[in-house]
Protein backbone atom coordinates (compact mmCIF):
# COMPACT_ATOMS: atom_id res chain seq x y z
CA UNK A 1 53.05 -28.39 -4.98
CA UNK A 2 49.72 -26.56 -4.46
CA UNK A 3 46.66 -28.68 -3.99
CA UNK A 4 43.43 -27.99 -5.80
CA UNK A 5 40.38 -27.17 -3.66
CA UNK A 6 38.00 -30.04 -3.22
CA UNK A 7 34.76 -28.99 -4.91
CA UNK A 8 33.19 -32.41 -5.12
CA UNK A 9 30.99 -31.72 -2.09
CA UNK A 10 30.23 -28.11 -2.89
CA UNK A 11 26.64 -27.32 -3.77
CA UNK A 12 26.12 -24.27 -5.92
CA UNK A 13 22.75 -22.64 -5.27
CA UNK A 14 21.71 -21.43 -8.70
CA UNK A 15 18.00 -21.20 -8.00
CA UNK A 16 18.02 -17.56 -6.87
CA UNK A 17 20.13 -14.61 -7.97
CA UNK A 18 19.99 -11.02 -6.71
CA UNK A 19 21.69 -7.82 -7.87
CA UNK A 20 20.83 -4.25 -6.87
CA UNK A 21 17.24 -5.08 -6.04
CA UNK A 22 16.76 -7.37 -9.03
CA UNK A 23 15.62 -10.85 -8.03
CA UNK A 24 15.80 -13.76 -10.44
CA UNK A 25 14.25 -17.15 -9.69
CA UNK A 26 15.02 -20.30 -11.63
CA UNK A 27 13.10 -23.55 -11.80
CA UNK A 28 14.01 -26.81 -13.51
CA UNK A 29 12.64 -30.12 -12.35
CA UNK A 30 15.04 -32.10 -14.53
CA UNK A 31 18.08 -30.16 -13.24
CA UNK A 32 16.79 -30.19 -9.66
CA UNK A 33 16.83 -26.39 -9.42
CA UNK A 34 13.96 -25.10 -7.34
CA UNK A 35 13.57 -21.53 -6.11
CA UNK A 36 9.90 -22.14 -5.16
CA UNK A 37 8.53 -19.69 -7.75
CA UNK A 38 4.95 -20.43 -6.71
CA UNK A 39 5.64 -19.07 -3.23
CA UNK A 40 7.45 -16.01 -4.58
CA UNK A 41 4.64 -15.28 -7.01
CA UNK A 42 2.04 -15.56 -4.25
CA UNK A 43 4.12 -13.23 -2.07
CA UNK A 44 4.38 -10.73 -4.93
CA UNK A 45 0.60 -10.71 -5.38
CA UNK A 46 -0.09 -10.57 -1.66
CA UNK A 47 2.34 -7.68 -1.29
CA UNK A 48 0.25 -5.34 -3.44
CA UNK A 49 -1.04 -2.44 -1.34
CA UNK A 50 -2.61 -0.12 -3.90
CA UNK A 51 -2.87 -1.71 -7.34
CA UNK A 52 -2.06 -4.83 -9.32
CA UNK A 53 -2.08 -5.40 -13.07
CA UNK A 54 -1.84 -8.98 -14.30
CA UNK A 55 -1.33 -9.93 -17.95
CA UNK A 56 -1.19 -13.69 -18.36
CA UNK A 57 -1.53 -16.18 -21.18
CA UNK A 58 -2.45 -19.18 -19.04
CA UNK A 59 -3.76 -18.90 -15.47
CA UNK A 60 -4.71 -22.22 -13.86
CA UNK A 61 -2.65 -22.75 -10.69
CA UNK A 62 -5.08 -22.83 -7.74
CA UNK A 63 -2.65 -21.12 -5.34
CA UNK A 64 -2.22 -18.18 -7.73
CA UNK A 65 -5.95 -17.94 -8.33
CA UNK A 66 -6.51 -17.86 -4.58
CA UNK A 67 -3.86 -15.15 -4.16
CA UNK A 68 -5.57 -13.05 -6.83
CA UNK A 69 -8.90 -13.70 -5.14
CA UNK A 70 -7.45 -12.38 -1.88
CA UNK A 71 -5.97 -9.37 -3.69
CA UNK A 72 -9.40 -8.59 -5.14
CA UNK A 73 -10.80 -8.29 -1.64
CA UNK A 74 -8.09 -5.82 -0.67
CA UNK A 75 -7.58 -3.84 -3.88
CA UNK A 76 -11.19 -3.82 -5.13
CA UNK A 77 -11.32 -2.02 -8.49
CA UNK A 78 -7.55 -1.57 -8.54
CA UNK A 79 -7.04 -5.19 -9.57
CA UNK A 80 -7.06 -5.72 -13.32
CA UNK A 81 -6.41 -8.96 -15.20
CA UNK A 82 -6.08 -9.55 -18.93
CA UNK A 83 -5.71 -13.06 -20.33
CA UNK A 84 -5.59 -14.85 -23.65
CA UNK A 85 -9.17 -15.75 -24.57
CA UNK A 86 -8.28 -17.66 -27.71
CA UNK A 87 -9.31 -16.78 -31.22
CA UNK A 88 -12.54 -14.91 -31.85
CA UNK A 89 -15.41 -16.72 -33.54
CA UNK A 90 -14.93 -14.50 -36.57
CA UNK A 91 -11.47 -15.94 -37.14
CA UNK A 92 -10.52 -16.12 -40.81
CA UNK A 93 -10.41 -19.44 -42.60
CA UNK A 94 -6.96 -20.94 -42.76
CA UNK A 95 -5.77 -19.29 -39.54
CA UNK A 96 -4.79 -21.89 -36.99
CA UNK A 97 -6.53 -22.01 -33.62
CA UNK A 98 -4.79 -21.46 -30.33
CA UNK A 99 -2.33 -24.39 -30.06
CA UNK A 100 -3.08 -24.81 -26.36
CA UNK A 101 -6.67 -24.02 -25.36
CA UNK A 102 -6.85 -23.36 -21.62
CA UNK A 103 -9.40 -23.26 -18.83
CA UNK A 104 -8.34 -19.77 -17.78
CA UNK A 105 -11.68 -18.07 -18.48
CA UNK A 106 -13.60 -20.82 -16.70
CA UNK A 107 -11.34 -20.69 -13.63
CA UNK A 108 -11.38 -16.90 -13.46
CA UNK A 109 -15.16 -17.07 -13.25
CA UNK A 110 -15.03 -19.93 -10.74
CA UNK A 111 -12.83 -17.88 -8.39
CA UNK A 112 -15.02 -14.80 -8.72
CA UNK A 113 -12.42 -12.84 -10.66
CA UNK A 114 -14.41 -12.28 -13.84
CA UNK A 115 -15.43 -8.75 -12.82
CA UNK A 116 -11.73 -7.82 -12.70
CA UNK A 117 -10.72 -9.64 -15.87
CA UNK A 118 -10.83 -9.02 -19.61
CA UNK A 119 -10.20 -11.66 -22.26
CA UNK A 120 -8.04 -10.69 -25.22
CA UNK A 121 -8.72 -12.10 -28.69
CA UNK A 122 -5.65 -11.62 -30.86
CA UNK A 123 -6.22 -11.80 -34.61
CA UNK A 124 -4.16 -13.75 -37.09
CA UNK A 125 -1.55 -16.26 -36.01
CA UNK A 126 -0.43 -14.35 -32.92
CA UNK A 127 -1.14 -15.08 -29.26
CA UNK A 128 -1.55 -12.90 -26.21
CA UNK A 129 1.45 -14.63 -24.72
CA UNK A 130 2.35 -12.15 -21.97
CA UNK A 131 3.28 -13.20 -18.44
CA UNK A 132 3.73 -10.19 -16.17
CA UNK A 133 2.37 -8.24 -13.22
CA UNK A 134 2.82 -4.63 -12.21
CA UNK A 135 2.56 -4.00 -8.46
CA UNK A 136 1.73 -0.58 -7.01
CA UNK A 137 3.24 1.10 -10.08
CA UNK A 138 6.70 0.36 -8.70
CA UNK A 139 7.63 -3.28 -9.35
CA UNK A 140 7.34 -5.77 -12.18
CA UNK A 141 7.11 -9.55 -12.12
CA UNK A 142 7.92 -11.11 -15.48
CA UNK A 143 9.49 -14.24 -16.90
CA UNK A 144 9.02 -17.26 -19.12
CA UNK A 145 6.57 -19.29 -17.06
CA UNK A 146 2.79 -19.32 -17.13
CA UNK A 147 0.83 -19.33 -13.89
CA UNK A 148 0.09 -23.04 -14.10
CA UNK A 149 1.39 -26.14 -12.36
CA UNK A 150 3.45 -26.88 -15.46
CA UNK A 151 4.88 -23.38 -15.65
CA UNK A 152 5.67 -23.13 -11.95
CA UNK A 153 6.55 -26.69 -10.93
CA UNK A 154 7.48 -28.78 -13.99
CA UNK A 155 9.09 -26.86 -16.84
CA UNK A 156 12.41 -25.03 -17.14
CA UNK A 157 11.55 -21.38 -16.48
CA UNK A 158 12.92 -18.17 -15.05
CA UNK A 159 11.13 -15.37 -13.23
CA UNK A 160 12.27 -11.83 -12.46
CA UNK A 161 11.15 -9.23 -9.94
CA UNK A 162 12.34 -5.78 -10.98
CA UNK A 163 11.88 -2.69 -8.76
CA UNK A 164 11.66 0.20 -11.22
CA UNK A 165 8.98 2.85 -11.58
CA UNK A 166 10.16 3.55 -15.13
CA UNK A 167 9.89 -0.09 -16.18
CA UNK A 168 6.60 -0.44 -14.31
CA UNK A 169 5.25 2.49 -16.31
CA UNK A 170 6.32 0.86 -19.59
CA UNK A 171 4.66 -2.42 -18.61
CA UNK A 172 1.55 -0.51 -17.54
CA UNK A 173 1.33 1.04 -21.00
CA UNK A 174 1.76 -2.41 -22.55
CA UNK A 175 -0.98 -3.76 -20.28
CA UNK A 176 -3.55 -1.18 -21.32
CA UNK A 177 -2.41 -1.50 -24.91
CA UNK A 178 -3.59 -5.11 -24.83
CA UNK A 179 -7.16 -3.89 -24.35
CA UNK A 180 -7.20 -1.83 -27.55
CA UNK A 181 -7.80 -3.52 -30.94
CA UNK A 182 -4.91 -3.12 -33.34
CA UNK A 183 -2.46 -2.26 -30.60
CA UNK A 184 1.23 -2.45 -31.50
CA UNK A 185 2.86 -2.66 -28.08
CA UNK A 186 2.59 -6.42 -27.77
CA UNK A 187 1.77 -7.88 -31.18
CA UNK A 188 3.16 -5.83 -34.04
CA UNK A 189 2.11 -7.07 -37.51
CA UNK A 190 4.47 -9.60 -38.97
CA UNK A 191 6.89 -8.08 -41.44
CA UNK A 192 7.36 -9.70 -44.86
CA UNK A 193 10.57 -11.61 -45.34
CA UNK A 194 13.36 -9.51 -46.81
CA UNK A 195 14.03 -9.96 -50.49
CA UNK A 196 17.57 -10.94 -51.37
CA UNK A 197 19.40 -8.18 -53.28
CA UNK A 198 19.99 -8.77 -56.97
CA UNK A 199 23.44 -9.97 -57.94
CA UNK A 200 25.73 -7.39 -59.60
CA UNK A 201 25.45 -7.26 -63.36
CA UNK A 202 21.84 -8.47 -63.53
């Protein structure tokens, strides 16, 4: 009779996955899965040699702010940041405010990054909810987590590093699209709900 392998002591490392250059990092405090995304994100930022584009909804983690501060010293005018700046003062009545006001603008100024950053005011009920970086026009960092202590060390999130000039170019277009009013790359107008077809015979 064949015996089954004893897997009771096996530990499956599910925090990091790699395939053909693609790197995927997982974090879940409740499931005790920790790929140290904060360290990987800092390394990604510090690894920029020529340019870095950063589109982020919420930027508050001090280690990431310091990494961007360091990148500014190296990249100079080739560092560009866009972030969600909440709703404009001319917001229409009845439109809800940003559900989670942040200190991003204040912290960007505190770390001397305001000259590299542009706030985005999205109209209507949408948010500038992007979370990605493009490094040297060759690699993309993206995922579900914001650059905050919650997003990097508390919540269930995933993060991807993708080496692809084609994808980097697409994300670059999306990045600059965020700076143009009425852009469609990131926040297309909401479509009306489809009308149910009439029943036969009516």
